[in-house]
Amino acid sequence: MKEIVIISGKGGTGKTSVAGALASLLPHAMLADCDVDAPDLHLLLQPQIQRRESFSGGKVARIGAGLCTACGLCRQVCRFDAITPDYIVEEMSCEGCGVCVWNCPEEAISFTPRDSGEWYISTTRYGDMVHARLHPGEENSGKLVTQVRRVARDMGVEKGVDILLVDGPPGVGCPVIAAIGGADLLVVVTEPTRSAIHDMERVVQLARHFSVPVGVCINKDDLNEEMAQDIAEFCLREELPLLGKIAYSEEFVAAQVQGKTIIELDSAGPEFQLLLENILSCL
């Protein structure tokens, strides 16, 4: 099974639209949405949840009222001011460091798993999909990304599919690192703007650091032909395959409103078919 991860150095380049279009051209692929902080692939594929599991991204302190003597030591050592004068832990402020647990002389503070989000196994009209969502304000999305990838890989191997298609998170932080390690190909979706080019260069550097093959797709390439040419020259200079160019179209928005992929509106089909062929030739 080959794993293709669709990423972008910045948000808003059309990464999920590209991933959804490729999913519609690969009806027997295993799908995974690893953008767990702000997932939106489900808006295009409308998954039907078959299994739902809670996710714990860390632990949170809890004070046992019957054991606490209100000595105040926990409030003194907590650098996040997460413990109120009434000796109640504010979960949104608690970072789960455990200092209060270790310093409590009465052992009145327990360390329990924090409910940080959920992950799902679902069916879509283009195959099975594993996806997830963090609760608002929660962190440790890299751990959740790893969980989504692991479950998707295991399911893909069990079902004998050839391709695992991953909609990765934007940026170059911890969630991206968790999404790209061990992948067979990264497809960087960029756009002809200065900020997108800058972030594309950063994510290419990240991919090379982890020795993951990478190619580039230019979305909305006709909006600024000069910058699109800069991207093409960057790919030539860095010996990166330019996998495809996709013209700007308002049909992308129309497809999103209808909960469909761009392919389902019979738009941009040849461009995406060529993109897919180029991707598969790199595997």
C-alpha atoms as a PDB file:
ATOM      1  CA  MET A   1       0.000   0.000   0.000  1.00  0.00           C
ATOM      2  CA  LYS A   2       1.360   3.403  -1.014  1.00  0.00           C
ATOM      3  CA  GLU A   3       0.654   6.449   1.147  1.00  0.00           C
ATOM      4  CA  ILE A   4       0.084   9.830  -0.529  1.00  0.00           C
ATOM      5  CA  VAL A   5      -0.134  12.851   1.784  1.00  0.00           C
ATOM      6  CA  ILE A   6      -1.601  16.122   0.504  1.00  0.00           C
ATOM      7  CA  ILE A   7      -0.102  19.045   2.422  1.00  0.00           C
ATOM      8  CA  SER A   8       0.381  22.800   2.101  1.00  0.00           C
ATOM      9  CA  GLY A   9       2.730  25.217   3.771  1.00  0.00           C
ATOM     10  CA  LYS A  10      -0.188  27.547   4.534  1.00  0.00           C
ATOM     11  CA  GLY A  11      -3.936  27.296   4.847  1.00  0.00           C
ATOM     12  CA  GLY A  12      -6.321  28.303   2.103  1.00  0.00           C
ATOM     13  CA  THR A  13      -4.383  26.989  -0.889  1.00  0.00           C
ATOM     14  CA  GLY A  14      -7.089  24.446  -1.805  1.00  0.00           C
ATOM     15  CA  LYS A  15      -5.419  21.404  -0.252  1.00  0.00           C
ATOM     16  CA  THR A  16      -8.660  19.737   0.831  1.00  0.00           C
ATOM     17  CA  SER A  17     -10.352  20.440  -2.505  1.00  0.00           C
ATOM     18  CA  VAL A  18      -7.442  18.713  -4.242  1.00  0.00           C
ATOM     19  CA  ALA A  19      -7.595  15.801  -1.805  1.00  0.00           C
ATOM     20  CA  GLY A  20     -11.349  15.419  -2.363  1.00  0.00           C
ATOM     21  CA  ALA A  21     -10.916  15.480  -6.128  1.00  0.00           C
ATOM     22  CA  LEU A  22      -8.221  12.800  -5.972  1.00  0.00           C
ATOM     23  CA  ALA A  23     -10.435  10.721  -3.689  1.00  0.00           C
ATOM     24  CA  SER A  24     -13.182  10.788  -6.318  1.00  0.00           C
ATOM     25  CA  LEU A  25     -10.676   9.510  -8.897  1.00  0.00           C
ATOM     26  CA  LEU A  26      -9.436   6.760  -6.554  1.00  0.00           C
ATOM     27  CA  PRO A  27     -12.691   5.097  -5.487  1.00  0.00           C
ATOM     28  CA  HIS A  28     -10.946   2.104  -3.903  1.00  0.00           C
ATOM     29  CA  ALA A  29      -8.408   4.050  -1.838  1.00  0.00           C
ATOM     30  CA  MET A  30      -8.304   4.263   1.943  1.00  0.00           C
ATOM     31  CA  LEU A  31      -8.910   7.861   3.063  1.00  0.00           C
ATOM     32  CA  ALA A  32      -7.677   9.757   6.113  1.00  0.00           C
ATOM     33  CA  ASP A  33      -8.212  13.351   7.212  1.00  0.00           C
ATOM     34  CA  CYS A  34      -5.239  14.320   9.396  1.00  0.00           C
ATOM     35  CA  ASP A  35      -6.166  17.989   9.688  1.00  0.00           C
ATOM     36  CA  VAL A  36      -7.578  17.341  13.149  1.00  0.00           C
ATOM     37  CA  ASP A  37      -7.495  20.956  14.365  1.00  0.00           C
ATOM     38  CA  ALA A  38      -9.823  22.175  11.607  1.00  0.00           C
ATOM     39  CA  PRO A  39     -11.055  19.170   9.603  1.00  0.00           C
ATOM     40  CA  ASP A  40     -13.159  19.824   6.516  1.00  0.00           C
ATOM     41  CA  LEU A  41     -12.738  16.862   4.164  1.00  0.00           C
ATOM     42  CA  HIS A  42     -15.974  15.529   5.656  1.00  0.00           C
ATOM     43  CA  LEU A  43     -17.788  18.519   4.154  1.00  0.00           C
ATOM     44  CA  LEU A  44     -17.030  17.154   0.681  1.00  0.00           C
ATOM     45  CA  LEU A  45     -17.314  13.416   1.324  1.00  0.00           C
ATOM     46  CA  GLN A  46     -20.155  13.434   3.898  1.00  0.00           C
ATOM     47  CA  PRO A  47     -18.973  10.365   5.839  1.00  0.00           C
ATOM     48  CA  GLN A  48     -21.330   8.074   7.695  1.00  0.00           C
ATOM     49  CA  ILE A  49     -19.752   7.344  11.078  1.00  0.00           C
ATOM     50  CA  GLN A  50     -19.499   3.629  11.868  1.00  0.00           C
ATOM     51  CA  ARG A  51     -17.242   3.787  14.916  1.00  0.00           C
ATOM     52  CA  ARG A  52     -16.499   6.587  17.369  1.00  0.00           C
ATOM     53  CA  GLU A  53     -13.672   6.596  19.928  1.00  0.00           C
ATOM     54  CA  SER A  54     -12.591   9.220  22.454  1.00  0.00           C
ATOM     55  CA  PHE A  55      -9.072  10.608  22.368  1.00  0.00           C
ATOM     56  CA  SER A  56      -6.955  11.609  25.348  1.00  0.00           C
ATOM     57  CA  GLY A  57      -4.217  14.065  24.510  1.00  0.00           C
ATOM     58  CA  GLY A  58      -2.836  14.226  28.037  1.00  0.00           C
ATOM     59  CA  LYS A  59      -3.871  14.306  31.665  1.00  0.00           C
ATOM     60  CA  VAL A  60      -5.506  16.796  33.967  1.00  0.00           C
ATOM     61  CA  ALA A  61      -5.208  17.183  37.731  1.00  0.00           C
ATOM     62  CA  ARG A  62      -8.219  16.712  40.000  1.00  0.00           C
ATOM     63  CA  ILE A  63      -8.316  17.490  43.736  1.00  0.00           C
ATOM     64  CA  GLY A  64     -10.191  15.120  46.049  1.00  0.00           C
ATOM     65  CA  ALA A  65     -12.270  17.320  48.329  1.00  0.00           C
ATOM     66  CA  GLY A  66     -12.308  14.736  51.111  1.00  0.00           C
ATOM     67  CA  LEU A  67      -8.511  14.478  51.210  1.00  0.00           C
ATOM     68  CA  CYS A  68      -7.443  18.095  50.640  1.00  0.00           C
ATOM     69  CA  THR A  69      -6.372  19.997  53.781  1.00  0.00           C
ATOM     70  CA  ALA A  70      -6.111  23.354  51.956  1.00  0.00           C
ATOM     71  CA  CYS A  71      -2.429  23.697  52.786  1.00  0.00           C
ATOM     72  CA  GLY A  72      -1.954  25.818  49.671  1.00  0.00           C
ATOM     73  CA  LEU A  73       1.197  24.098  48.430  1.00  0.00           C
ATOM     74  CA  CYS A  74      -0.383  23.070  45.130  1.00  0.00           C
ATOM     75  CA  ARG A  75      -1.375  26.667  44.408  1.00  0.00           C
ATOM     76  CA  GLN A  76       2.162  27.812  45.153  1.00  0.00           C
ATOM     77  CA  VAL A  77       3.852  25.392  42.759  1.00  0.00           C
ATOM     78  CA  CYS A  78       1.324  25.674  39.900  1.00  0.00           C
ATOM     79  CA  ARG A  79       2.895  28.125  37.457  1.00  0.00           C
ATOM     80  CA  PHE A  80      -0.268  28.157  35.307  1.00  0.00           C
ATOM     81  CA  ASP A  81      -2.569  29.441  38.092  1.00  0.00           C
ATOM     82  CA  ALA A  82      -4.908  26.566  37.317  1.00  0.00           C
ATOM     83  CA  ILE A  83      -6.024  26.004  40.946  1.00  0.00           C
ATOM     84  CA  THR A  84      -8.680  28.309  42.377  1.00  0.00           C
ATOM     85  CA  PRO A  85      -8.759  29.551  45.988  1.00  0.00           C
ATOM     86  CA  ASP A  86     -11.470  26.927  46.571  1.00  0.00           C
ATOM     87  CA  TYR A  87      -8.984  24.219  45.437  1.00  0.00           C
ATOM     88  CA  ILE A  88     -10.723  23.351  42.220  1.00  0.00           C
ATOM     89  CA  VAL A  89      -8.631  22.694  39.113  1.00  0.00           C
ATOM     90  CA  GLU A  90      -9.644  24.754  36.075  1.00  0.00           C
ATOM     91  CA  GLU A  91      -9.240  22.240  33.255  1.00  0.00           C
ATOM     92  CA  MET A  92      -8.736  24.860  30.545  1.00  0.00           C
ATOM     93  CA  SER A  93      -5.755  26.284  32.468  1.00  0.00           C
ATOM     94  CA  CYS A  94      -4.214  22.984  33.585  1.00  0.00           C
ATOM     95  CA  GLU A  95      -1.303  21.952  31.340  1.00  0.00           C
ATOM     96  CA  GLY A  96      -1.036  18.472  32.845  1.00  0.00           C
ATOM     97  CA  CYS A  97       2.534  18.929  34.080  1.00  0.00           C
ATOM     98  CA  GLY A  98       1.890  16.993  37.298  1.00  0.00           C
ATOM     99  CA  VAL A  99       3.828  19.283  39.646  1.00  0.00           C
ATOM    100  CA  CYS A 100       0.857  19.639  41.995  1.00  0.00           C
ATOM    101  CA  VAL A 101       0.446  15.853  42.130  1.00  0.00           C
ATOM    102  CA  TRP A 102       4.071  15.306  43.051  1.00  0.00           C
ATOM    103  CA  ASN A 103       4.094  18.027  45.726  1.00  0.00           C
ATOM    104  CA  CYS A 104       0.789  17.333  47.500  1.00  0.00           C
ATOM    105  CA  PRO A 105       1.664  16.054  51.000  1.00  0.00           C
ATOM    106  CA  GLU A 106      -1.754  14.421  51.421  1.00  0.00           C
ATOM    107  CA  GLU A 107      -1.741  12.726  47.997  1.00  0.00           C
ATOM    108  CA  ALA A 108      -5.118  14.352  47.448  1.00  0.00           C
ATOM    109  CA  ILE A 109      -4.571  15.135  43.781  1.00  0.00           C
ATOM    110  CA  SER A 110      -5.151  12.532  41.085  1.00  0.00           C
ATOM    111  CA  PHE A 111      -3.943  12.646  37.491  1.00  0.00           C
ATOM    112  CA  THR A 112      -6.680  11.498  35.105  1.00  0.00           C
ATOM    113  CA  PRO A 113      -6.807  11.321  31.290  1.00  0.00           C
ATOM    114  CA  ARG A 114      -8.136  14.442  29.621  1.00  0.00           C
ATOM    115  CA  ASP A 115     -10.955  14.054  27.080  1.00  0.00           C
ATOM    116  CA  SER A 116      -9.381  15.961  24.188  1.00  0.00           C
ATOM    117  CA  GLY A 117     -11.417  14.901  21.175  1.00  0.00           C
ATOM    118  CA  GLU A 118     -12.740  12.008  19.119  1.00  0.00           C
ATOM    119  CA  TRP A 119     -11.639   9.923  16.156  1.00  0.00           C
ATOM    120  CA  TYR A 120     -13.942   8.117  13.764  1.00  0.00           C
ATOM    121  CA  ILE A 121     -14.082   5.312  11.249  1.00  0.00           C
ATOM    122  CA  SER A 122     -16.615   6.162   8.555  1.00  0.00           C
ATOM    123  CA  THR A 123     -17.838   5.111   5.154  1.00  0.00           C
ATOM    124  CA  THR A 124     -18.035   7.517   2.227  1.00  0.00           C
ATOM    125  CA  ARG A 125     -19.153   7.187  -1.363  1.00  0.00           C
ATOM    126  CA  TYR A 126     -15.463   6.822  -2.286  1.00  0.00           C
ATOM    127  CA  GLY A 127     -14.374   4.334   0.351  1.00  0.00           C
ATOM    128  CA  ASP A 128     -13.644   4.086   4.049  1.00  0.00           C
ATOM    129  CA  MET A 129     -12.266   7.114   5.874  1.00  0.00           C
ATOM    130  CA  VAL A 130     -10.600   7.681   9.224  1.00  0.00           C
ATOM    131  CA  HIS A 131     -10.910  11.193  10.610  1.00  0.00           C
ATOM    132  CA  ALA A 132     -10.932  13.057  13.907  1.00  0.00           C
ATOM    133  CA  ARG A 133     -11.719  16.294  15.669  1.00  0.00           C
ATOM    134  CA  LEU A 134     -10.127  17.940  18.685  1.00  0.00           C
ATOM    135  CA  HIS A 135     -12.357  19.698  21.190  1.00  0.00           C
ATOM    136  CA  PRO A 136     -12.039  23.514  21.109  1.00  0.00           C
ATOM    137  CA  GLY A 137      -8.889  24.708  22.840  1.00  0.00           C
ATOM    138  CA  GLU A 138      -7.324  21.264  23.099  1.00  0.00           C
ATOM    139  CA  GLU A 139      -3.764  20.516  22.070  1.00  0.00           C
ATOM    140  CA  ASN A 140      -1.534  17.530  21.229  1.00  0.00           C
ATOM    141  CA  SER A 141      -2.913  17.244  17.721  1.00  0.00           C
ATOM    142  CA  GLY A 142       0.274  15.495  16.609  1.00  0.00           C
ATOM    143  CA  LYS A 143      -0.622  12.530  18.796  1.00  0.00           C
ATOM    144  CA  LEU A 144      -4.118  12.418  17.307  1.00  0.00           C
ATOM    145  CA  VAL A 145      -2.708  12.637  13.757  1.00  0.00           C
ATOM    146  CA  THR A 146      -0.516   9.632  14.528  1.00  0.00           C
ATOM    147  CA  GLN A 147      -3.561   7.722  15.777  1.00  0.00           C
ATOM    148  CA  VAL A 148      -5.565   8.528  12.624  1.00  0.00           C
ATOM    149  CA  ARG A 149      -2.714   7.426  10.346  1.00  0.00           C
ATOM    150  CA  ARG A 150      -2.139   4.222  12.297  1.00  0.00           C
ATOM    151  CA  VAL A 151      -5.789   3.183  12.175  1.00  0.00           C
ATOM    152  CA  ALA A 152      -6.050   4.084   8.468  1.00  0.00           C
ATOM    153  CA  ARG A 153      -2.907   2.111   7.638  1.00  0.00           C
ATOM    154  CA  ASP A 154      -4.097  -0.939   9.568  1.00  0.00           C
ATOM    155  CA  MET A 155      -7.489  -0.821   7.851  1.00  0.00           C
ATOM    156  CA  GLY A 156      -5.888  -0.364   4.449  1.00  0.00           C
ATOM    157  CA  VAL A 157      -3.626  -3.361   4.909  1.00  0.00           C
ATOM    158  CA  GLU A 158      -6.511  -5.455   6.211  1.00  0.00           C
ATOM    159  CA  LYS A 159      -8.704  -4.539   3.243  1.00  0.00           C
ATOM    160  CA  GLY A 160      -5.870  -4.946   0.737  1.00  0.00           C
ATOM    161  CA  VAL A 161      -6.197  -1.501  -0.844  1.00  0.00           C
ATOM    162  CA  ASP A 162      -3.368  -0.077  -2.960  1.00  0.00           C
ATOM    163  CA  ILE A 163      -3.497   3.592  -1.952  1.00  0.00           C
ATOM    164  CA  LEU A 164      -3.835   5.463   1.342  1.00  0.00           C
ATOM    165  CA  LEU A 165      -4.778   9.073   0.549  1.00  0.00           C
ATOM    166  CA  VAL A 166      -4.200  11.495   3.420  1.00  0.00           C
ATOM    167  CA  ASP A 167      -5.453  15.077   3.674  1.00  0.00           C
ATOM    168  CA  GLY A 168      -2.696  16.500   5.853  1.00  0.00           C
ATOM    169  CA  PRO A 169      -2.631  19.568   8.091  1.00  0.00           C
ATOM    170  CA  PRO A 170      -1.299  22.941   6.905  1.00  0.00           C
ATOM    171  CA  GLY A 171       1.905  24.522   8.144  1.00  0.00           C
ATOM    172  CA  VAL A 172       5.188  22.947   9.239  1.00  0.00           C
ATOM    173  CA  GLY A 173       4.526  22.217  12.916  1.00  0.00           C
ATOM    174  CA  CYS A 174       4.077  19.104  15.006  1.00  0.00           C
ATOM    175  CA  PRO A 175       0.873  17.879  13.250  1.00  0.00           C
ATOM    176  CA  VAL A 176       2.622  18.051   9.859  1.00  0.00           C
ATOM    177  CA  ILE A 177       5.643  16.163  11.161  1.00  0.00           C
ATOM    178  CA  ALA A 178       3.295  13.488  12.506  1.00  0.00           C
ATOM    179  CA  ALA A 179       1.494  13.310   9.136  1.00  0.00           C
ATOM    180  CA  ILE A 180       4.452  12.949   6.777  1.00  0.00           C
ATOM    181  CA  GLY A 181       6.872  10.518   8.389  1.00  0.00           C
ATOM    182  CA  GLY A 182       7.193   7.331   6.347  1.00  0.00           C
ATOM    183  CA  ALA A 183       4.895   8.513   3.542  1.00  0.00           C
ATOM    184  CA  ASP A 184       5.641   7.434  -0.020  1.00  0.00           C
ATOM    185  CA  LEU A 185       4.912  10.851  -1.545  1.00  0.00           C
ATOM    186  CA  LEU A 186       4.030  14.329  -0.330  1.00  0.00           C
ATOM    187  CA  VAL A 187       2.015  16.519  -2.664  1.00  0.00           C
ATOM    188  CA  VAL A 188       2.498  20.169  -1.721  1.00  0.00           C
ATOM    189  CA  VAL A 189      -0.451  22.248  -2.892  1.00  0.00           C
ATOM    190  CA  THR A 190       0.574  25.869  -3.311  1.00  0.00           C
ATOM    191  CA  GLU A 191      -0.737  28.985  -5.020  1.00  0.00           C
ATOM    192  CA  PRO A 192       0.949  31.860  -6.867  1.00  0.00           C
ATOM    193  CA  THR A 193       1.259  34.269  -3.953  1.00  0.00           C
ATOM    194  CA  ARG A 194       4.387  35.390  -2.167  1.00  0.00           C
ATOM    195  CA  SER A 195       3.356  33.950   1.214  1.00  0.00           C
ATOM    196  CA  ALA A 196       2.378  30.602  -0.324  1.00  0.00           C
ATOM    197  CA  ILE A 197       5.710  30.331  -2.137  1.00  0.00           C
ATOM    198  CA  HIS A 198       7.589  31.114   1.079  1.00  0.00           C
ATOM    199  CA  ASP A 199       5.678  28.464   3.033  1.00  0.00           C
ATOM    200  CA  MET A 200       6.024  25.952   0.197  1.00  0.00           C
ATOM    201  CA  GLU A 201       9.799  26.295   0.445  1.00  0.00           C
ATOM    202  CA  ARG A 202       9.642  25.681   4.203  1.00  0.00           C
ATOM    203  CA  VAL A 203       7.543  22.538   3.896  1.00  0.00           C
ATOM    204  CA  VAL A 204       9.826  21.203   1.148  1.00  0.00           C
ATOM    205  CA  GLN A 205      12.779  21.678   3.515  1.00  0.00           C
ATOM    206  CA  LEU A 206      10.847  19.798   6.191  1.00  0.00           C
ATOM    207  CA  ALA A 207      10.105  16.925   3.832  1.00  0.00           C
ATOM    208  CA  ARG A 208      13.753  16.660   2.848  1.00  0.00           C
ATOM    209  CA  HIS A 209      14.797  16.660   6.493  1.00  0.00           C
ATOM    210  CA  PHE A 210      12.705  13.524   6.983  1.00  0.00           C
ATOM    211  CA  SER A 211      13.783  12.067   3.607  1.00  0.00           C
ATOM    212  CA  VAL A 212      10.236  11.935   2.232  1.00  0.00           C
ATOM    213  CA  PRO A 213       9.741  12.291  -1.558  1.00  0.00           C
ATOM    214  CA  VAL A 214       7.891  15.480  -2.447  1.00  0.00           C
ATOM    215  CA  GLY A 215       6.215  17.018  -5.499  1.00  0.00           C
ATOM    216  CA  VAL A 216       4.356  20.272  -6.118  1.00  0.00           C
ATOM    217  CA  CYS A 217       0.905  21.143  -7.450  1.00  0.00           C
ATOM    218  CA  ILE A 218       0.066  24.763  -8.318  1.00  0.00           C
ATOM    219  CA  ASN A 219      -3.550  25.635  -7.613  1.00  0.00           C
ATOM    220  CA  LYS A 220      -5.104  28.785  -9.149  1.00  0.00           C
ATOM    221  CA  ASP A 221      -1.990  29.045 -11.299  1.00  0.00           C
ATOM    222  CA  ASP A 222      -3.591  31.452 -13.800  1.00  0.00           C
ATOM    223  CA  LEU A 223      -4.224  34.188 -11.210  1.00  0.00           C
ATOM    224  CA  ASN A 224      -0.588  35.315 -11.274  1.00  0.00           C
ATOM    225  CA  GLU A 225       1.380  33.872 -14.148  1.00  0.00           C
ATOM    226  CA  GLU A 226       4.628  35.507 -13.074  1.00  0.00           C
ATOM    227  CA  MET A 227       4.587  33.909  -9.617  1.00  0.00           C
ATOM    228  CA  ALA A 228       3.385  30.613 -11.070  1.00  0.00           C
ATOM    229  CA  GLN A 229       6.503  30.714 -13.245  1.00  0.00           C
ATOM    230  CA  ASP A 230       8.587  31.375 -10.112  1.00  0.00           C
ATOM    231  CA  ILE A 231       7.166  28.198  -8.582  1.00  0.00           C
ATOM    232  CA  ALA A 232       7.932  26.221 -11.727  1.00  0.00           C
ATOM    233  CA  GLU A 233      11.509  27.540 -11.720  1.00  0.00           C
ATOM    234  CA  PHE A 234      11.853  26.636  -8.041  1.00  0.00           C
ATOM    235  CA  CYS A 235      10.781  23.075  -8.829  1.00  0.00           C
ATOM    236  CA  LEU A 236      13.265  22.896 -11.701  1.00  0.00           C
ATOM    237  CA  ARG A 237      16.071  24.310  -9.572  1.00  0.00           C
ATOM    238  CA  GLU A 238      15.356  21.987  -6.646  1.00  0.00           C
ATOM    239  CA  GLU A 239      14.727  18.976  -8.917  1.00  0.00           C
ATOM    240  CA  LEU A 240      11.147  18.572  -7.699  1.00  0.00           C
ATOM    241  CA  PRO A 241       8.442  17.134  -9.956  1.00  0.00           C
ATOM    242  CA  LEU A 242       5.806  19.703 -10.888  1.00  0.00           C
ATOM    243  CA  LEU A 243       2.869  17.334 -10.663  1.00  0.00           C
ATOM    244  CA  GLY A 244       0.114  19.581 -11.977  1.00  0.00           C
ATOM    245  CA  LYS A 245      -1.370  23.009 -12.566  1.00  0.00           C
ATOM    246  CA  ILE A 246      -5.004  23.763 -11.743  1.00  0.00           C
ATOM    247  CA  ALA A 247      -6.756  26.846 -13.068  1.00  0.00           C
ATOM    248  CA  TYR A 248      -8.882  29.055 -10.856  1.00  0.00           C
ATOM    249  CA  SER A 249     -12.579  28.228 -11.000  1.00  0.00           C
ATOM    250  CA  GLU A 250     -15.602  29.381  -9.040  1.00  0.00           C
ATOM    251  CA  GLU A 251     -16.903  25.831  -9.444  1.00  0.00           C
ATOM    252  CA  PHE A 252     -14.771  24.866  -6.449  1.00  0.00           C
ATOM    253  CA  VAL A 253     -16.972  26.997  -4.208  1.00  0.00           C
ATOM    254  CA  ALA A 254     -20.117  25.665  -5.885  1.00  0.00           C
ATOM    255  CA  ALA A 255     -18.949  22.116  -5.207  1.00  0.00           C
ATOM    256  CA  GLN A 256     -18.229  22.887  -1.560  1.00  0.00           C
ATOM    257  CA  VAL A 257     -21.688  24.396  -1.088  1.00  0.00           C
ATOM    258  CA  GLN A 258     -23.257  21.232  -2.511  1.00  0.00           C
ATOM    259  CA  GLY A 259     -21.033  18.908  -0.468  1.00  0.00           C
ATOM    260  CA  LYS A 260     -19.366  17.505  -3.569  1.00  0.00           C
ATOM    261  CA  THR A 261     -15.919  17.304  -5.082  1.00  0.00           C
ATOM    262  CA  ILE A 262     -15.001  19.375  -8.109  1.00  0.00           C
ATOM    263  CA  ILE A 263     -14.932  16.204 -10.214  1.00  0.00           C
ATOM    264  CA  GLU A 264     -18.597  15.544  -9.462  1.00  0.00           C
ATOM    265  CA  LEU A 265     -19.498  18.841 -11.126  1.00  0.00           C
ATOM    266  CA  ASP A 266     -17.698  17.716 -14.292  1.00  0.00           C
ATOM    267  CA  SER A 267     -15.190  20.521 -13.870  1.00  0.00           C
ATOM    268  CA  ALA A 268     -11.383  20.414 -14.093  1.00  0.00           C
ATOM    269  CA  GLY A 269     -11.501  16.684 -14.805  1.00  0.00           C
ATOM    270  CA  PRO A 270      -8.557  16.569 -17.265  1.00  0.00           C
ATOM    271  CA  GLU A 271      -6.365  18.673 -14.968  1.00  0.00           C
ATOM    272  CA  PHE A 272      -6.914  16.367 -12.028  1.00  0.00           C
ATOM    273  CA  GLN A 273      -6.600  13.239 -14.139  1.00  0.00           C
ATOM    274  CA  LEU A 274      -3.180  14.453 -15.293  1.00  0.00           C
ATOM    275  CA  LEU A 275      -2.277  15.311 -11.691  1.00  0.00           C
ATOM    276  CA  LEU A 276      -3.221  11.814 -10.576  1.00  0.00           C
ATOM    277  CA  GLU A 277      -1.232  10.190 -13.383  1.00  0.00           C
ATOM    278  CA  ASN A 278       1.830  12.209 -12.449  1.00  0.00           C
ATOM    279  CA  ILE A 279       1.418  11.318  -8.773  1.00  0.00           C
ATOM    280  CA  LEU A 280       1.124   7.603  -9.488  1.00  0.00           C
ATOM    281  CA  SER A 281       4.209   7.753 -11.740  1.00  0.00           C
ATOM    282  CA  CYS A 282       6.237   8.971  -8.735  1.00  0.00           C
ATOM    283  CA  LEU A 283       5.313   6.018  -6.517  1.00  0.00           C
END
